[in-house]
Amino acid sequence: LAMVAEGADVIDVGACSTRPGSESVDAREEMKRLEWALAAI
């Protein structure tokens, strides 16, 4: 809500860190995180 109020045109949601050297979570965990997050947004 703060981003939208500040003028964001797009919200980009990530559920699996891709920083240098990071280790990926599995697809099931990624989807579990995204399901509740996208529904809330």
ModelCIF file with pLDDT and N, C-alpha, C, O atoms, coordinates in Angstrom:
data_MODEL
#
_entry.id   MODEL 
#
_entity.id                         1 
_entity.type                       polymer 
_entity.pdbx_number_of_molecules   1 
#
_entity_poly.entity_id                      1 
_entity_poly.type                           'polypeptide(L)' 
_entity_poly.nstd_linkage                   no 
_entity_poly.nstd_monomer                   no 
_entity_poly.pdbx_seq_one_letter_code       LAMVAEGADVIDVGACSTRPGSESVDAREEMKRLEWALAAI 
_entity_poly.pdbx_seq_one_letter_code_can   LAMVAEGADVIDVGACSTRPGSESVDAREEMKRLEWALAAI 
_entity_poly.pdbx_strand_id                 A 
#
loop_
_entity_poly_seq.entity_id 
_entity_poly_seq.num 
_entity_poly_seq.mon_id 
_entity_poly_seq.hetero 
1 1  LEU n 
1 2  ALA n 
1 3  MET n 
1 4  VAL n 
1 5  ALA n 
1 6  GLU n 
1 7  GLY n 
1 8  ALA n 
1 9  ASP n 
1 10 VAL n 
1 11 ILE n 
1 12 ASP n 
1 13 VAL n 
1 14 GLY n 
1 15 ALA n 
1 16 CYS n 
1 17 SER n 
1 18 THR n 
1 19 ARG n 
1 20 PRO n 
1 21 GLY n 
1 22 SER n 
1 23 GLU n 
1 24 SER n 
1 25 VAL n 
1 26 ASP n 
1 27 ALA n 
1 28 ARG n 
1 29 GLU n 
1 30 GLU n 
1 31 MET n 
1 32 LYS n 
1 33 ARG n 
1 34 LEU n 
1 35 GLU n 
1 36 TRP n 
1 37 ALA n 
1 38 LEU n 
1 39 ALA n 
1 40 ALA n 
1 41 ILE n 
#
_struct_asym.id          A 
_struct_asym.entity_id   1 
#
loop_
_ma_qa_metric.id 
_ma_qa_metric.mode 
_ma_qa_metric.name 
_ma_qa_metric.software_group_id 
_ma_qa_metric.type 
1 global pLDDT . pLDDT 
2 local  pLDDT . pLDDT 
#
_ma_qa_metric_global.metric_id      1 
_ma_qa_metric_global.metric_value   86.90 
_ma_qa_metric_global.model_id       1 
_ma_qa_metric_global.ordinal_id     1 
#
loop_
_ma_qa_metric_local.label_asym_id 
_ma_qa_metric_local.label_comp_id 
_ma_qa_metric_local.label_seq_id 
_ma_qa_metric_local.metric_id 
_ma_qa_metric_local.metric_value 
_ma_qa_metric_local.model_id 
_ma_qa_metric_local.ordinal_id 
A LEU 1  2 96.00 1 1  
A ALA 2  2 96.00 1 2  
A MET 3  2 97.00 1 3  
A VAL 4  2 97.00 1 4  
A ALA 5  2 98.00 1 5  
A GLU 6  2 98.00 1 6  
A GLY 7  2 98.00 1 7  
A ALA 8  2 98.00 1 8  
A ASP 9  2 98.00 1 9  
A VAL 10 2 98.00 1 10 
A ILE 11 2 98.00 1 11 
A ASP 12 2 97.00 1 12 
A VAL 13 2 96.00 1 13 
A GLY 14 2 90.00 1 14 
A ALA 15 2 87.00 1 15 
A CYS 16 2 81.00 1 16 
A SER 17 2 72.00 1 17 
A THR 18 2 66.00 1 18 
A ARG 19 2 62.00 1 19 
A PRO 20 2 61.00 1 20 
A GLY 21 2 54.00 1 21 
A SER 22 2 50.00 1 22 
A GLU 23 2 59.00 1 23 
A SER 24 2 68.00 1 24 
A VAL 25 2 77.00 1 25 
A ASP 26 2 86.00 1 26 
A ALA 27 2 89.00 1 27 
A ARG 28 2 91.00 1 28 
A GLU 29 2 89.00 1 29 
A GLU 30 2 91.00 1 30 
A MET 31 2 92.00 1 31 
A LYS 32 2 90.00 1 32 
A ARG 33 2 91.00 1 33 
A LEU 34 2 94.00 1 34 
A GLU 35 2 93.00 1 35 
A TRP 36 2 92.00 1 36 
A ALA 37 2 93.00 1 37 
A LEU 38 2 96.00 1 38 
A ALA 39 2 94.00 1 39 
A ALA 40 2 94.00 1 40 
A ILE 41 2 96.00 1 41 
#
loop_
_atom_site.group_PDB 
_atom_site.id 
_atom_site.type_symbol 
_atom_site.label_atom_id 
_atom_site.label_alt_id 
_atom_site.label_comp_id 
_atom_site.label_asym_id 
_atom_site.label_entity_id 
_atom_site.label_seq_id 
_atom_site.pdbx_PDB_ins_code 
_atom_site.Cartn_x 
_atom_site.Cartn_y 
_atom_site.Cartn_z 
_atom_site.occupancy 
_atom_site.B_iso_or_equiv 
_atom_site.pdbx_formal_charge 
_atom_site.auth_seq_id 
_atom_site.auth_comp_id 
_atom_site.auth_asym_id 
_atom_site.auth_atom_id 
_atom_site.pdbx_PDB_model_num 
ATOM 1   N N  . LEU A 1 1  ? 0.828  -1.204  0.000   1.00 96.00 ? 1  LEU A N  1 
ATOM 2   C CA . LEU A 1 1  ? 0.000  0.000   0.000   1.00 96.00 ? 1  LEU A CA 1 
ATOM 3   C C  . LEU A 1 1  ? 0.865  1.257   0.000   1.00 96.00 ? 1  LEU A C  1 
ATOM 4   O O  . LEU A 1 1  ? 0.511  2.254   -0.630  1.00 96.00 ? 1  LEU A O  1 
ATOM 5   N N  . ALA A 1 2  ? 1.989  1.215   0.699   1.00 96.00 ? 2  ALA A N  1 
ATOM 6   C CA . ALA A 1 2  ? 2.902  2.362   0.699   1.00 96.00 ? 2  ALA A CA 1 
ATOM 7   C C  . ALA A 1 2  ? 3.485  2.575   -0.692  1.00 96.00 ? 2  ALA A C  1 
ATOM 8   O O  . ALA A 1 2  ? 3.574  3.712   -1.155  1.00 96.00 ? 2  ALA A O  1 
ATOM 9   N N  . MET A 1 3  ? 3.882  1.498   -1.362  1.00 97.00 ? 3  MET A N  1 
ATOM 10  C CA . MET A 1 3  ? 4.439  1.613   -2.715  1.00 97.00 ? 3  MET A CA 1 
ATOM 11  C C  . MET A 1 3  ? 3.409  2.167   -3.701  1.00 97.00 ? 3  MET A C  1 
ATOM 12  O O  . MET A 1 3  ? 3.726  3.020   -4.530  1.00 97.00 ? 3  MET A O  1 
ATOM 13  N N  . VAL A 1 4  ? 2.186  1.677   -3.604  1.00 97.00 ? 4  VAL A N  1 
ATOM 14  C CA . VAL A 1 4  ? 1.129  2.167   -4.493  1.00 97.00 ? 4  VAL A CA 1 
ATOM 15  C C  . VAL A 1 4  ? 0.885  3.650   -4.242  1.00 97.00 ? 4  VAL A C  1 
ATOM 16  O O  . VAL A 1 4  ? 0.733  4.421   -5.190  1.00 97.00 ? 4  VAL A O  1 
ATOM 17  N N  . ALA A 1 5  ? 0.846  4.058   -2.977  1.00 98.00 ? 5  ALA A N  1 
ATOM 18  C CA . ALA A 1 5  ? 0.632  5.464   -2.634  1.00 98.00 ? 5  ALA A CA 1 
ATOM 19  C C  . ALA A 1 5  ? 1.778  6.341   -3.139  1.00 98.00 ? 5  ALA A C  1 
ATOM 20  O O  . ALA A 1 5  ? 1.564  7.499   -3.497  1.00 98.00 ? 5  ALA A O  1 
ATOM 21  N N  . GLU A 1 6  ? 2.978  5.796   -3.167  1.00 98.00 ? 6  GLU A N  1 
ATOM 22  C CA . GLU A 1 6  ? 4.143  6.550   -3.642  1.00 98.00 ? 6  GLU A CA 1 
ATOM 23  C C  . GLU A 1 6  ? 4.237  6.601   -5.159  1.00 98.00 ? 6  GLU A C  1 
ATOM 24  O O  . GLU A 1 6  ? 5.070  7.329   -5.700  1.00 98.00 ? 6  GLU A O  1 
ATOM 25  N N  . GLY A 1 7  ? 3.396  5.838   -5.854  1.00 98.00 ? 7  GLY A N  1 
ATOM 26  C CA . GLY A 1 7  ? 3.362  5.935   -7.312  1.00 98.00 ? 7  GLY A CA 1 
ATOM 27  C C  . GLY A 1 7  ? 3.885  4.748   -8.072  1.00 98.00 ? 7  GLY A C  1 
ATOM 28  O O  . GLY A 1 7  ? 4.179  4.874   -9.260  1.00 98.00 ? 7  GLY A O  1 
ATOM 29  N N  . ALA A 1 8  ? 4.017  3.582   -7.434  1.00 98.00 ? 8  ALA A N  1 
ATOM 30  C CA . ALA A 1 8  ? 4.490  2.392   -8.150  1.00 98.00 ? 8  ALA A CA 1 
ATOM 31  C C  . ALA A 1 8  ? 3.506  2.024   -9.262  1.00 98.00 ? 8  ALA A C  1 
ATOM 32  O O  . ALA A 1 8  ? 2.292  2.020   -9.054  1.00 98.00 ? 8  ALA A O  1 
ATOM 33  N N  . ASP A 1 9  ? 4.039  1.720   -10.430 1.00 98.00 ? 9  ASP A N  1 
ATOM 34  C CA . ASP A 1 9  ? 3.224  1.252   -11.551 1.00 98.00 ? 9  ASP A CA 1 
ATOM 35  C C  . ASP A 1 9  ? 3.072  -0.261  -11.530 1.00 98.00 ? 9  ASP A C  1 
ATOM 36  O O  . ASP A 1 9  ? 2.068  -0.798  -11.997 1.00 98.00 ? 9  ASP A O  1 
ATOM 37  N N  . VAL A 1 10 ? 4.077  -0.948  -10.984 1.00 98.00 ? 10 VAL A N  1 
ATOM 38  C CA . VAL A 1 10 ? 4.110  -2.409  -10.947 1.00 98.00 ? 10 VAL A CA 1 
ATOM 39  C C  . VAL A 1 10 ? 4.652  -2.839  -9.591  1.00 98.00 ? 10 VAL A C  1 
ATOM 40  O O  . VAL A 1 10 ? 5.535  -2.184  -9.037  1.00 98.00 ? 10 VAL A O  1 
ATOM 41  N N  . ILE A 1 11 ? 4.127  -3.938  -9.055  1.00 98.00 ? 11 ILE A N  1 
ATOM 42  C CA . ILE A 1 11 ? 4.699  -4.575  -7.865  1.00 98.00 ? 11 ILE A CA 1 
ATOM 43  C C  . ILE A 1 11 ? 5.306  -5.899  -8.325  1.00 98.00 ? 11 ILE A C  1 
ATOM 44  O O  . ILE A 1 11 ? 4.633  -6.703  -8.970  1.00 98.00 ? 11 ILE A O  1 
ATOM 45  N N  . ASP A 1 12 ? 6.572  -6.122  -7.994  1.00 97.00 ? 12 ASP A N  1 
ATOM 46  C CA . ASP A 1 12 ? 7.289  -7.333  -8.388  1.00 97.00 ? 12 ASP A CA 1 
ATOM 47  C C  . ASP A 1 12 ? 7.549  -8.174  -7.147  1.00 97.00 ? 12 ASP A C  1 
ATOM 48  O O  . ASP A 1 12 ? 8.257  -7.742  -6.237  1.00 97.00 ? 12 ASP A O  1 
ATOM 49  N N  . VAL A 1 13 ? 6.979  -9.373  -7.107  1.00 96.00 ? 13 VAL A N  1 
ATOM 50  C CA . VAL A 1 13 ? 7.051  -10.225 -5.924  1.00 96.00 ? 13 VAL A CA 1 
ATOM 51  C C  . VAL A 1 13 ? 7.991  -11.396 -6.166  1.00 96.00 ? 13 VAL A C  1 
ATOM 52  O O  . VAL A 1 13 ? 7.857  -12.119 -7.153  1.00 96.00 ? 13 VAL A O  1 
ATOM 53  N N  . GLY A 1 14 ? 8.932  -11.573 -5.268  1.00 90.00 ? 14 GLY A N  1 
ATOM 54  C CA . GLY A 1 14 ? 9.853  -12.694 -5.345  1.00 90.00 ? 14 GLY A CA 1 
ATOM 55  C C  . GLY A 1 14 ? 9.758  -13.564 -4.108  1.00 90.00 ? 14 GLY A C  1 
ATOM 56  O O  . GLY A 1 14 ? 9.559  -13.064 -3.001  1.00 90.00 ? 14 GLY A O  1 
ATOM 57  N N  . ALA A 1 15 ? 9.902  -14.879 -4.300  1.00 87.00 ? 15 ALA A N  1 
ATOM 58  C CA . ALA A 1 15 ? 9.810  -15.807 -3.169  1.00 87.00 ? 15 ALA A CA 1 
ATOM 59  C C  . ALA A 1 15 ? 10.997 -16.757 -3.114  1.00 87.00 ? 15 ALA A C  1 
ATOM 60  O O  . ALA A 1 15 ? 10.996 -17.732 -2.362  1.00 87.00 ? 15 ALA A O  1 
ATOM 61  N N  . CYS A 1 16 ? 12.010 -16.457 -3.923  1.00 81.00 ? 16 CYS A N  1 
ATOM 62  C CA . CYS A 1 16 ? 13.218 -17.294 -3.955  1.00 81.00 ? 16 CYS A CA 1 
ATOM 63  C C  . CYS A 1 16 ? 14.397 -16.372 -4.198  1.00 81.00 ? 16 CYS A C  1 
ATOM 64  O O  . CYS A 1 16 ? 14.544 -15.833 -5.295  1.00 81.00 ? 16 CYS A O  1 
ATOM 65  N N  . SER A 1 17 ? 15.239 -16.184 -3.194  1.00 72.00 ? 17 SER A N  1 
ATOM 66  C CA . SER A 1 17 ? 16.350 -15.248 -3.313  1.00 72.00 ? 17 SER A CA 1 
ATOM 67  C C  . SER A 1 17 ? 17.294 -15.644 -4.444  1.00 72.00 ? 17 SER A C  1 
ATOM 68  O O  . SER A 1 17 ? 17.626 -16.817 -4.617  1.00 72.00 ? 17 SER A O  1 
ATOM 69  N N  . THR A 1 18 ? 17.725 -14.624 -5.220  1.00 66.00 ? 18 THR A N  1 
ATOM 70  C CA . THR A 1 18 ? 18.673 -14.874 -6.308  1.00 66.00 ? 18 THR A CA 1 
ATOM 71  C C  . THR A 1 18 ? 19.919 -14.001 -6.139  1.00 66.00 ? 18 THR A C  1 
ATOM 72  O O  . THR A 1 18 ? 20.607 -13.709 -7.117  1.00 66.00 ? 18 THR A O  1 
ATOM 73  N N  . ARG A 1 19 ? 20.208 -13.589 -4.920  1.00 62.00 ? 19 ARG A N  1 
ATOM 74  C CA . ARG A 1 19 ? 21.415 -12.801 -4.688  1.00 62.00 ? 19 ARG A CA 1 
ATOM 75  C C  . ARG A 1 19 ? 22.635 -13.658 -5.007  1.00 62.00 ? 19 ARG A C  1 
ATOM 76  O O  . ARG A 1 19 ? 22.543 -14.884 -4.945  1.00 62.00 ? 19 ARG A O  1 
ATOM 77  N N  . PRO A 1 20 ? 23.787 -13.051 -5.349  1.00 61.00 ? 20 PRO A N  1 
ATOM 78  C CA . PRO A 1 20 ? 24.982 -13.840 -5.646  1.00 61.00 ? 20 PRO A CA 1 
ATOM 79  C C  . PRO A 1 20 ? 25.318 -14.813 -4.519  1.00 61.00 ? 20 PRO A C  1 
ATOM 80  O O  . PRO A 1 20 ? 25.396 -14.433 -3.350  1.00 61.00 ? 20 PRO A O  1 
ATOM 81  N N  . GLY A 1 21 ? 25.515 -16.079 -4.897  1.00 54.00 ? 21 GLY A N  1 
ATOM 82  C CA . GLY A 1 21 ? 25.871 -17.107 -3.934  1.00 54.00 ? 21 GLY A CA 1 
ATOM 83  C C  . GLY A 1 21 ? 24.712 -17.733 -3.203  1.00 54.00 ? 21 GLY A C  1 
ATOM 84  O O  . GLY A 1 21 ? 24.916 -18.615 -2.369  1.00 54.00 ? 21 GLY A O  1 
ATOM 85  N N  . SER A 1 22 ? 23.489 -17.296 -3.493  1.00 50.00 ? 22 SER A N  1 
ATOM 86  C CA . SER A 1 22 ? 22.328 -17.825 -2.773  1.00 50.00 ? 22 SER A CA 1 
ATOM 87  C C  . SER A 1 22 ? 21.987 -19.234 -3.222  1.00 50.00 ? 22 SER A C  1 
ATOM 88  O O  . SER A 1 22 ? 22.303 -19.639 -4.340  1.00 50.00 ? 22 SER A O  1 
ATOM 89  N N  . GLU A 1 23 ? 21.335 -19.976 -2.331  1.00 59.00 ? 23 GLU A N  1 
ATOM 90  C CA . GLU A 1 23 ? 20.849 -21.312 -2.658  1.00 59.00 ? 23 GLU A CA 1 
ATOM 91  C C  . GLU A 1 23 ? 19.330 -21.253 -2.808  1.00 59.00 ? 23 GLU A C  1 
ATOM 92  O O  . GLU A 1 23 ? 18.635 -20.652 -1.988  1.00 59.00 ? 23 GLU A O  1 
ATOM 93  N N  . SER A 1 24 ? 18.828 -21.886 -3.867  1.00 68.00 ? 24 SER A N  1 
ATOM 94  C CA . SER A 1 24 ? 17.405 -21.809 -4.170  1.00 68.00 ? 24 SER A CA 1 
ATOM 95  C C  . SER A 1 24 ? 16.578 -22.668 -3.215  1.00 68.00 ? 24 SER A C  1 
ATOM 96  O O  . SER A 1 24 ? 16.996 -23.748 -2.800  1.00 68.00 ? 24 SER A O  1 
ATOM 97  N N  . VAL A 1 25 ? 15.388 -22.154 -2.879  1.00 77.00 ? 25 VAL A N  1 
ATOM 98  C CA . VAL A 1 25 ? 14.411 -23.005 -2.210  1.00 77.00 ? 25 VAL A CA 1 
ATOM 99  C C  . VAL A 1 25 ? 13.736 -23.847 -3.284  1.00 77.00 ? 25 VAL A C  1 
ATOM 100 O O  . VAL A 1 25 ? 13.816 -23.522 -4.469  1.00 77.00 ? 25 VAL A O  1 
ATOM 101 N N  . ASP A 1 26 ? 13.068 -24.937 -2.877  1.00 86.00 ? 26 ASP A N  1 
ATOM 102 C CA . ASP A 1 26 ? 12.417 -25.768 -3.887  1.00 86.00 ? 26 ASP A CA 1 
ATOM 103 C C  . ASP A 1 26 ? 11.123 -25.116 -4.354  1.00 86.00 ? 26 ASP A C  1 
ATOM 104 O O  . ASP A 1 26 ? 10.627 -24.169 -3.743  1.00 86.00 ? 26 ASP A O  1 
ATOM 105 N N  . ALA A 1 27 ? 10.586 -25.647 -5.457  1.00 89.00 ? 27 ALA A N  1 
ATOM 106 C CA . ALA A 1 27 ? 9.410  -25.058 -6.092  1.00 89.00 ? 27 ALA A CA 1 
ATOM 107 C C  . ALA A 1 27 ? 8.209  -25.060 -5.159  1.00 89.00 ? 27 ALA A C  1 
ATOM 108 O O  . ALA A 1 27 ? 7.409  -24.124 -5.170  1.00 89.00 ? 27 ALA A O  1 
ATOM 109 N N  . ARG A 1 28 ? 8.078  -26.104 -4.353  1.00 91.00 ? 28 ARG A N  1 
ATOM 110 C CA . ARG A 1 28 ? 6.930  -26.189 -3.451  1.00 91.00 ? 28 ARG A CA 1 
ATOM 111 C C  . ARG A 1 28 ? 6.949  -25.052 -2.438  1.00 91.00 ? 28 ARG A C  1 
ATOM 112 O O  . ARG A 1 28 ? 5.916  -24.436 -2.180  1.00 91.00 ? 28 ARG A O  1 
ATOM 113 N N  . GLU A 1 29 ? 8.108  -24.772 -1.866  1.00 89.00 ? 29 GLU A N  1 
ATOM 114 C CA . GLU A 1 29 ? 8.222  -23.680 -0.900  1.00 89.00 ? 29 GLU A CA 1 
ATOM 115 C C  . GLU A 1 29 ? 8.006  -22.331 -1.576  1.00 89.00 ? 29 GLU A C  1 
ATOM 116 O O  . GLU A 1 29 ? 7.358  -21.446 -1.017  1.00 89.00 ? 29 GLU A O  1 
ATOM 117 N N  . GLU A 1 30 ? 8.554  -22.176 -2.786  1.00 91.00 ? 30 GLU A N  1 
ATOM 118 C CA . GLU A 1 30 ? 8.365  -20.923 -3.523  1.00 91.00 ? 30 GLU A CA 1 
ATOM 119 C C  . GLU A 1 30 ? 6.876  -20.668 -3.780  1.00 91.00 ? 30 GLU A C  1 
ATOM 120 O O  . GLU A 1 30 ? 6.395  -19.552 -3.585  1.00 91.00 ? 30 GLU A O  1 
ATOM 121 N N  . MET A 1 31 ? 6.152  -21.697 -4.216  1.00 92.00 ? 31 MET A N  1 
ATOM 122 C CA . MET A 1 31 ? 4.725  -21.536 -4.493  1.00 92.00 ? 31 MET A CA 1 
ATOM 123 C C  . MET A 1 31 ? 3.935  -21.277 -3.210  1.00 92.00 ? 31 MET A C  1 
ATOM 124 O O  . MET A 1 31 ? 2.981  -20.500 -3.210  1.00 92.00 ? 31 MET A O  1 
ATOM 125 N N  . LYS A 1 32 ? 4.329  -21.922 -2.134  1.00 90.00 ? 32 LYS A N  1 
ATOM 126 C CA . LYS A 1 32 ? 3.646  -21.711 -0.848  1.00 90.00 ? 32 LYS A CA 1 
ATOM 127 C C  . LYS A 1 32 ? 3.742  -20.244 -0.429  1.00 90.00 ? 32 LYS A C  1 
ATOM 128 O O  . LYS A 1 32 ? 2.764  -19.659 0.036   1.00 90.00 ? 32 LYS A O  1 
ATOM 129 N N  . ARG A 1 33 ? 4.922  -19.661 -0.596  1.00 91.00 ? 33 ARG A N  1 
ATOM 130 C CA . ARG A 1 33 ? 5.108  -18.260 -0.241  1.00 91.00 ? 33 ARG A CA 1 
ATOM 131 C C  . ARG A 1 33 ? 4.316  -17.335 -1.174  1.00 91.00 ? 33 ARG A C  1 
ATOM 132 O O  . ARG A 1 33 ? 3.699  -16.369 -0.725  1.00 91.00 ? 33 ARG A O  1 
ATOM 133 N N  . LEU A 1 34 ? 4.340  -17.640 -2.461  1.00 94.00 ? 34 LEU A N  1 
ATOM 134 C CA . LEU A 1 34 ? 3.676  -16.779 -3.434  1.00 94.00 ? 34 LEU A CA 1 
ATOM 135 C C  . LEU A 1 34 ? 2.164  -16.826 -3.321  1.00 94.00 ? 34 LEU A C  1 
ATOM 136 O O  . LEU A 1 34 ? 1.495  -15.817 -3.544  1.00 94.00 ? 34 LEU A O  1 
ATOM 137 N N  . GLU A 1 35 ? 1.616  -17.981 -2.977  1.00 93.00 ? 35 GLU A N  1 
ATOM 138 C CA . GLU A 1 35 ? 0.158  -18.120 -2.936  1.00 93.00 ? 35 GLU A CA 1 
ATOM 139 C C  . GLU A 1 35 ? -0.464 -17.120 -1.964  1.00 93.00 ? 35 GLU A C  1 
ATOM 140 O O  . GLU A 1 35 ? -1.408 -16.411 -2.313  1.00 93.00 ? 35 GLU A O  1 
ATOM 141 N N  . TRP A 1 36 ? 0.067  -17.067 -0.747  1.00 92.00 ? 36 TRP A N  1 
ATOM 142 C CA . TRP A 1 36 ? -0.539 -16.154 0.223   1.00 92.00 ? 36 TRP A CA 1 
ATOM 143 C C  . TRP A 1 36 ? -0.199 -14.701 -0.100  1.00 92.00 ? 36 TRP A C  1 
ATOM 144 O O  . TRP A 1 36 ? -1.015 -13.806 0.121   1.00 92.00 ? 36 TRP A O  1 
ATOM 145 N N  . ALA A 1 37 ? 1.010  -14.466 -0.625  1.00 93.00 ? 37 ALA A N  1 
ATOM 146 C CA . ALA A 1 37 ? 1.427  -13.098 -0.908  1.00 93.00 ? 37 ALA A CA 1 
ATOM 147 C C  . ALA A 1 37 ? 0.606  -12.482 -2.038  1.00 93.00 ? 37 ALA A C  1 
ATOM 148 O O  . ALA A 1 37 ? 0.139  -11.350 -1.917  1.00 93.00 ? 37 ALA A O  1 
ATOM 149 N N  . LEU A 1 38 ? 0.427  -13.220 -3.137  1.00 96.00 ? 38 LEU A N  1 
ATOM 150 C CA . LEU A 1 38 ? -0.322 -12.682 -4.264  1.00 96.00 ? 38 LEU A CA 1 
ATOM 151 C C  . LEU A 1 38 ? -1.790 -12.486 -3.903  1.00 96.00 ? 38 LEU A C  1 
ATOM 152 O O  . LEU A 1 38 ? -2.411 -11.512 -4.329  1.00 96.00 ? 38 LEU A O  1 
ATOM 153 N N  . ALA A 1 39 ? -2.347 -13.408 -3.118  1.00 94.00 ? 39 ALA A N  1 
ATOM 154 C CA . ALA A 1 39 ? -3.735 -13.267 -2.686  1.00 94.00 ? 39 ALA A CA 1 
ATOM 155 C C  . ALA A 1 39 ? -3.903 -11.999 -1.849  1.00 94.00 ? 39 ALA A C  1 
ATOM 156 O O  . ALA A 1 39 ? -4.882 -11.272 -2.018  1.00 94.00 ? 39 ALA A O  1 
ATOM 157 N N  . ALA A 1 40 ? -2.973 -11.733 -0.966  1.00 94.00 ? 40 ALA A N  1 
ATOM 158 C CA . ALA A 1 40 ? -3.057 -10.547 -0.113  1.00 94.00 ? 40 ALA A CA 1 
ATOM 159 C C  . ALA A 1 40 ? -2.944 -9.268  -0.936  1.00 94.00 ? 40 ALA A C  1 
ATOM 160 O O  . ALA A 1 40 ? -3.673 -8.305  -0.698  1.00 94.00 ? 40 ALA A O  1 
ATOM 161 N N  . ILE A 1 41 ? -2.031 -9.262  -1.904  1.00 96.00 ? 41 ILE A N  1 
ATOM 162 C CA . ILE A 1 41 ? -1.857 -8.060  -2.737  1.00 96.00 ? 41 ILE A CA 1 
ATOM 163 C C  . ILE A 1 41 ? -3.106 -7.804  -3.576  1.00 96.00 ? 41 ILE A C  1 
ATOM 164 O O  . ILE A 1 41 ? -3.150 -6.839  -4.339  1.00 96.00 ? 41 ILE A O  1 
#
